[in-house]
Amino acid sequence: MEKGQIFWAKDYENHQHPIVFLKAEDEEKFLACILSTKDTNGNVPMSPDHFFETKKDGSNYSIKFKTSHLIPSRIFIKEFAWLKSLHPDGMLTKSGIDFIDDNLNDAVPEFLNISIKADLKLK
């Protein structure tokens, strides 16, 4: 896997935000940030040039720019088993990766085994 690849969760019903792969932690876990379509809670708007629309083989990615926003305050430790597939559903361009790097606000990685919505309700 490579930095900037975007994935859906296996359990889409409870995890409806795509995640961006940042780096592998070990053979079972990786760091990721979350994308949202909502302009709330300090989410940072992204732009169309942050996303590739097509794969190298010419087929379309399912995750493209759609009023996309970075959730800059949280980085998650995820297990590879959490992913729907090891094949990315989207990909950030170099400018998209640079944007993520510039806007993650020194967030401390956290392991979260429940949905982000459930976690916010607990706080």
Protein backbone atom coordinates (compact mmCIF):
# COMPACT_ATOMS: atom_id res chain seq x y z
CA MET A 1 0.00 0.00 0.00
CA GLU A 2 1.13 3.53 -0.57
CA LYS A 3 0.48 6.89 1.01
CA GLY A 4 -2.55 8.66 -0.45
CA GLN A 5 -4.56 5.58 -1.35
CA ILE A 6 -8.21 5.89 -0.28
CA PHE A 7 -10.32 3.01 1.02
CA TRP A 8 -13.82 2.11 2.20
CA ALA A 9 -14.42 0.11 5.35
CA LYS A 10 -15.66 -3.46 5.17
CA ASP A 11 -18.49 -2.39 7.51
CA TYR A 12 -19.76 0.55 5.46
CA GLU A 13 -23.00 0.83 7.45
CA ASN A 14 -21.08 1.91 10.58
CA HIS A 15 -18.07 3.52 8.87
CA GLN A 16 -19.32 5.72 6.04
CA HIS A 17 -16.29 7.97 5.70
CA PRO A 18 -13.47 6.96 3.38
CA ILE A 19 -9.99 6.82 4.89
CA VAL A 20 -6.62 7.79 3.46
CA PHE A 21 -3.70 5.43 4.04
CA LEU A 22 -0.76 7.31 5.59
CA LYS A 23 1.73 4.59 6.55
CA ALA A 24 2.01 1.02 7.82
CA GLU A 25 2.62 0.60 11.54
CA ASP A 26 3.34 -3.14 11.33
CA GLU A 27 2.03 -6.17 9.40
CA GLU A 28 -1.48 -5.81 10.86
CA LYS A 29 -2.03 -2.07 11.41
CA PHE A 30 -1.67 1.24 9.60
CA LEU A 31 -2.24 4.96 10.16
CA ALA A 32 -5.07 6.72 8.33
CA CYS A 33 -6.98 9.98 8.28
CA ILE A 34 -10.63 10.47 7.40
CA LEU A 35 -12.38 12.33 4.60
CA SER A 36 -15.87 13.79 4.90
CA THR A 37 -18.30 15.71 2.71
CA LYS A 38 -19.32 17.88 5.67
CA ASP A 39 -18.02 21.41 6.28
CA THR A 40 -18.30 21.14 10.08
CA ASN A 41 -16.13 20.88 13.20
CA GLY A 42 -13.08 22.46 11.60
CA ASN A 43 -13.00 20.14 8.58
CA VAL A 44 -10.76 21.58 5.88
CA PRO A 45 -12.11 21.82 2.30
CA MET A 46 -10.15 20.00 -0.37
CA SER A 47 -10.14 20.65 -4.12
CA PRO A 48 -10.63 18.51 -7.23
CA ASP A 49 -6.91 18.62 -8.05
CA HIS A 50 -6.24 16.66 -4.83
CA PHE A 51 -7.82 13.52 -6.34
CA PHE A 52 -7.12 11.25 -9.28
CA GLU A 53 -10.32 10.34 -11.13
CA THR A 54 -8.97 7.36 -13.04
CA LYS A 55 -6.65 4.48 -12.30
CA LYS A 56 -3.54 3.74 -14.35
CA ASP A 57 -5.54 1.17 -16.32
CA GLY A 58 -8.06 3.86 -17.36
CA SER A 59 -10.95 2.68 -15.16
CA ASN A 60 -12.59 5.12 -12.75
CA TYR A 61 -12.02 5.27 -9.01
CA SER A 62 -15.22 5.06 -6.94
CA ILE A 63 -13.90 7.73 -4.53
CA LYS A 64 -13.27 11.08 -6.22
CA PHE A 65 -13.66 14.71 -5.19
CA LYS A 66 -17.21 15.32 -3.94
CA THR A 67 -17.19 18.44 -1.78
CA SER A 68 -14.47 16.57 0.09
CA HIS A 69 -13.06 17.76 3.40
CA LEU A 70 -10.19 16.53 5.52
CA ILE A 71 -10.90 15.88 9.18
CA PRO A 72 -7.61 17.39 10.41
CA SER A 73 -7.85 16.70 14.12
CA ARG A 74 -7.70 12.90 14.13
CA ILE A 75 -5.40 10.15 12.87
CA PHE A 76 -6.48 6.58 13.39
CA ILE A 77 -4.67 3.30 13.83
CA LYS A 78 -6.61 0.78 11.76
CA GLU A 79 -6.22 -2.93 11.16
CA PHE A 80 -5.83 -4.05 7.55
CA ALA A 81 -8.74 -6.46 8.19
CA TRP A 82 -10.97 -3.36 8.65
CA LEU A 83 -10.68 -2.55 4.92
CA LYS A 84 -13.26 -3.63 2.37
CA SER A 85 -10.41 -4.51 0.00
CA LEU A 86 -6.65 -4.06 -0.25
CA HIS A 87 -7.27 -2.48 -3.67
CA PRO A 88 -7.76 1.29 -3.31
CA ASP A 89 -11.11 2.89 -4.13
CA GLY A 90 -9.44 6.27 -4.70
CA MET A 91 -6.06 7.98 -4.81
CA LEU A 92 -4.75 11.41 -3.86
CA THR A 93 -2.47 13.32 -6.20
CA LYS A 94 0.88 14.69 -4.97
CA SER A 95 -0.86 17.99 -4.15
CA GLY A 96 -3.52 16.04 -2.22
CA ILE A 97 -0.88 14.20 -0.19
CA ASP A 98 0.93 17.48 0.48
CA PHE A 99 -2.40 19.02 1.56
CA ILE A 100 -3.00 16.18 4.03
CA ASP A 101 0.54 16.50 5.40
CA ASP A 102 0.16 20.27 5.83
CA ASN A 103 -3.21 20.05 7.60
CA LEU A 104 -3.11 17.14 10.03
CA ASN A 105 -2.31 19.48 12.95
CA ASP A 106 0.02 17.09 14.79
CA ALA A 107 -2.87 14.77 15.65
CA VAL A 108 -1.89 11.88 17.91
CA PRO A 109 -2.79 8.48 16.40
CA GLU A 110 -5.60 6.70 18.24
CA PHE A 111 -7.03 3.19 17.96
CA LEU A 112 -10.80 3.31 17.65
CA ASN A 113 -12.78 0.09 17.33
CA ILE A 114 -16.18 1.81 17.11
CA SER A 115 -17.51 4.24 14.52
CA ILE A 116 -16.46 7.90 14.74
CA LYS A 117 -20.15 8.87 15.24
CA ALA A 118 -20.44 6.53 18.25
CA ASP A 119 -17.19 7.87 19.63
CA LEU A 120 -18.37 11.48 19.35
CA LYS A 121 -21.57 10.61 21.22
CA LEU A 122 -19.45 9.25 24.11
CA LYS A 123 -17.51 12.50 24.45
